[in-house]
Amino acid sequence: MSAGTARHAEAVEVGYDPATISYAELLAVFWDHIDPTTTDRQFRDNGTQYGTGILYLNKEQEQLAPELKRQLEQTKGFPESIVTEITAATVFHPAEKYHQGFLRK
């Protein structure tokens, strides 16, 4: 719902094998591919459902995500403050059918 009235944010739940890639490495990729200084916008998408965020699943992630955010704030020198939210994950719902396989389409 592009009007932003659904009262949810679009998110991707990423499954990974920690023996292959660490949570810190995943976060590094995330930070490198977003603009963490914009509120309610990423690329061409605008609205409350398009704000950046990290949803943690456990205590380790809860501690590591803010620490890496602090390091990024200190080293990257963004002209604006980082506004990416870090909160506990709740329930993930599947996207609508037209969003499924979006990259392949």
C-alpha atoms as a PDB file:
ATOM      1  CA  MET A   1       0.000   0.000   0.000  1.00  0.00           C
ATOM      2  CA  SER A   2       1.919   3.016  -1.224  1.00  0.00           C
ATOM      3  CA  ALA A   3      -0.258   5.554   0.597  1.00  0.00           C
ATOM      4  CA  GLY A   4       1.368   4.598   3.891  1.00  0.00           C
ATOM      5  CA  THR A   5      -1.975   3.881   5.554  1.00  0.00           C
ATOM      6  CA  ALA A   6      -1.285   0.201   6.299  1.00  0.00           C
ATOM      7  CA  ARG A   7       0.507   1.142   9.539  1.00  0.00           C
ATOM      8  CA  HIS A   8       3.410  -1.174   8.873  1.00  0.00           C
ATOM      9  CA  ALA A   9       6.840  -0.948   7.323  1.00  0.00           C
ATOM     10  CA  GLU A  10       8.144  -2.969   4.433  1.00  0.00           C
ATOM     11  CA  ALA A  11      10.947  -5.248   5.601  1.00  0.00           C
ATOM     12  CA  VAL A  12      12.982  -8.189   4.447  1.00  0.00           C
ATOM     13  CA  GLU A  13      13.614 -11.105   6.771  1.00  0.00           C
ATOM     14  CA  VAL A  14      17.089 -12.427   6.027  1.00  0.00           C
ATOM     15  CA  GLY A  15      18.027 -15.974   6.927  1.00  0.00           C
ATOM     16  CA  TYR A  16      21.727 -16.706   7.047  1.00  0.00           C
ATOM     17  CA  ASP A  17      24.284 -19.263   8.170  1.00  0.00           C
ATOM     18  CA  PRO A  18      26.611 -17.711  10.782  1.00  0.00           C
ATOM     19  CA  ALA A  19      29.292 -20.213   9.757  1.00  0.00           C
ATOM     20  CA  THR A  20      29.299 -18.570   6.317  1.00  0.00           C
ATOM     21  CA  ILE A  21      28.688 -14.897   7.117  1.00  0.00           C
ATOM     22  CA  SER A  22      28.488 -13.061  10.410  1.00  0.00           C
ATOM     23  CA  TYR A  23      25.714 -10.762  11.587  1.00  0.00           C
ATOM     24  CA  ALA A  24      28.246  -7.911  11.619  1.00  0.00           C
ATOM     25  CA  GLU A  25      29.093  -8.582   7.963  1.00  0.00           C
ATOM     26  CA  LEU A  26      25.390  -8.543   7.059  1.00  0.00           C
ATOM     27  CA  LEU A  27      24.981  -5.218   8.839  1.00  0.00           C
ATOM     28  CA  ALA A  28      27.994  -3.803   6.963  1.00  0.00           C
ATOM     29  CA  VAL A  29      26.301  -4.671   3.660  1.00  0.00           C
ATOM     30  CA  PHE A  30      23.056  -3.117   4.899  1.00  0.00           C
ATOM     31  CA  TRP A  31      24.740   0.142   5.935  1.00  0.00           C
ATOM     32  CA  ASP A  32      26.583   0.351   2.600  1.00  0.00           C
ATOM     33  CA  HIS A  33      23.358   0.063   0.591  1.00  0.00           C
ATOM     34  CA  ILE A  34      21.052   2.551   2.272  1.00  0.00           C
ATOM     35  CA  ASP A  35      21.044   6.228   3.117  1.00  0.00           C
ATOM     36  CA  PRO A  36      20.826   6.075   6.911  1.00  0.00           C
ATOM     37  CA  THR A  37      20.231   9.830   7.178  1.00  0.00           C
ATOM     38  CA  THR A  38      16.829  10.040   5.485  1.00  0.00           C
ATOM     39  CA  THR A  39      13.544   9.645   7.317  1.00  0.00           C
ATOM     40  CA  ASP A  40      10.686   7.851   5.559  1.00  0.00           C
ATOM     41  CA  ARG A  41      12.478   7.523   2.235  1.00  0.00           C
ATOM     42  CA  GLN A  42      14.778   5.179   0.375  1.00  0.00           C
ATOM     43  CA  PHE A  43      15.690   5.817  -3.242  1.00  0.00           C
ATOM     44  CA  ARG A  44      12.445   6.643  -5.125  1.00  0.00           C
ATOM     45  CA  ASP A  45      10.150   5.319  -2.414  1.00  0.00           C
ATOM     46  CA  ASN A  46       8.693   7.848   0.004  1.00  0.00           C
ATOM     47  CA  GLY A  47       6.435   7.285   3.000  1.00  0.00           C
ATOM     48  CA  THR A  48       6.488   5.995   6.544  1.00  0.00           C
ATOM     49  CA  GLN A  49       6.706   2.400   5.335  1.00  0.00           C
ATOM     50  CA  TYR A  50      10.052   3.150   3.623  1.00  0.00           C
ATOM     51  CA  GLY A  51      12.126   4.320   6.574  1.00  0.00           C
ATOM     52  CA  THR A  52      15.278   2.351   7.310  1.00  0.00           C
ATOM     53  CA  GLY A  53      15.412  -0.003  10.235  1.00  0.00           C
ATOM     54  CA  ILE A  54      17.115  -2.991  11.753  1.00  0.00           C
ATOM     55  CA  LEU A  55      14.934  -5.536  13.510  1.00  0.00           C
ATOM     56  CA  TYR A  56      16.924  -7.689  15.892  1.00  0.00           C
ATOM     57  CA  LEU A  57      15.978 -11.226  16.923  1.00  0.00           C
ATOM     58  CA  ASN A  58      18.171 -11.907  19.940  1.00  0.00           C
ATOM     59  CA  LYS A  59      20.352 -10.320  22.629  1.00  0.00           C
ATOM     60  CA  GLU A  60      23.549 -10.513  20.556  1.00  0.00           C
ATOM     61  CA  GLN A  61      21.919  -8.666  17.650  1.00  0.00           C
ATOM     62  CA  GLU A  62      20.334  -6.175  20.062  1.00  0.00           C
ATOM     63  CA  GLN A  63      23.787  -5.268  21.370  1.00  0.00           C
ATOM     64  CA  LEU A  64      25.745  -5.423  18.101  1.00  0.00           C
ATOM     65  CA  ALA A  65      23.462  -3.362  15.848  1.00  0.00           C
ATOM     66  CA  PRO A  66      23.604  -0.140  17.937  1.00  0.00           C
ATOM     67  CA  GLU A  67      27.351  -0.572  18.462  1.00  0.00           C
ATOM     68  CA  LEU A  68      27.956  -0.773  14.711  1.00  0.00           C
ATOM     69  CA  LYS A  69      25.639   2.209  14.203  1.00  0.00           C
ATOM     70  CA  ARG A  70      27.736   4.225  16.699  1.00  0.00           C
ATOM     71  CA  GLN A  71      30.932   3.241  14.868  1.00  0.00           C
ATOM     72  CA  LEU A  72      29.392   4.307  11.566  1.00  0.00           C
ATOM     73  CA  GLU A  73      28.375   7.665  13.030  1.00  0.00           C
ATOM     74  CA  GLN A  74      31.930   8.253  14.236  1.00  0.00           C
ATOM     75  CA  THR A  75      33.785   7.189  11.095  1.00  0.00           C
ATOM     76  CA  LYS A  76      31.670   8.014   8.029  1.00  0.00           C
ATOM     77  CA  GLY A  77      31.124  11.704   8.685  1.00  0.00           C
ATOM     78  CA  PHE A  78      27.592  11.949   7.306  1.00  0.00           C
ATOM     79  CA  PRO A  79      26.339  15.522   6.878  1.00  0.00           C
ATOM     80  CA  GLU A  80      23.141  14.569   8.742  1.00  0.00           C
ATOM     81  CA  SER A  81      22.429  12.371  11.769  1.00  0.00           C
ATOM     82  CA  ILE A  82      21.763   8.666  11.275  1.00  0.00           C
ATOM     83  CA  VAL A  83      18.032   8.089  11.723  1.00  0.00           C
ATOM     84  CA  THR A  84      17.886   4.329  11.122  1.00  0.00           C
ATOM     85  CA  GLU A  85      15.820   2.753  13.890  1.00  0.00           C
ATOM     86  CA  ILE A  86      16.911  -0.401  15.723  1.00  0.00           C
ATOM     87  CA  THR A  87      14.052  -2.283  17.370  1.00  0.00           C
ATOM     88  CA  ALA A  88      12.994  -5.779  18.335  1.00  0.00           C
ATOM     89  CA  ALA A  89      11.447  -7.835  15.548  1.00  0.00           C
ATOM     90  CA  THR A  90       7.861  -8.882  16.015  1.00  0.00           C
ATOM     91  CA  VAL A  91       5.794 -10.658  13.370  1.00  0.00           C
ATOM     92  CA  PHE A  92       6.790 -10.786   9.710  1.00  0.00           C
ATOM     93  CA  HIS A  93       3.950 -11.058   7.212  1.00  0.00           C
ATOM     94  CA  PRO A  94       4.420 -12.187   3.603  1.00  0.00           C
ATOM     95  CA  ALA A  95       4.305  -9.411   1.032  1.00  0.00           C
ATOM     96  CA  GLU A  96       1.465  -9.179  -1.437  1.00  0.00           C
ATOM     97  CA  LYS A  97       1.677 -11.467  -4.476  1.00  0.00           C
ATOM     98  CA  TYR A  98       2.770  -8.666  -6.791  1.00  0.00           C
ATOM     99  CA  HIS A  99       5.826  -8.129  -4.565  1.00  0.00           C
ATOM    100  CA  GLN A 100       6.866 -11.805  -4.603  1.00  0.00           C
ATOM    101  CA  GLY A 101       9.862 -12.501  -6.854  1.00  0.00           C
ATOM    102  CA  PHE A 102      10.216  -8.752  -7.419  1.00  0.00           C
ATOM    103  CA  LEU A 103      13.896  -8.930  -8.365  1.00  0.00           C
ATOM    104  CA  ARG A 104      13.265 -11.671 -10.948  1.00  0.00           C
ATOM    105  CA  LYS A 105      10.450  -9.660 -12.497  1.00  0.00           C
END
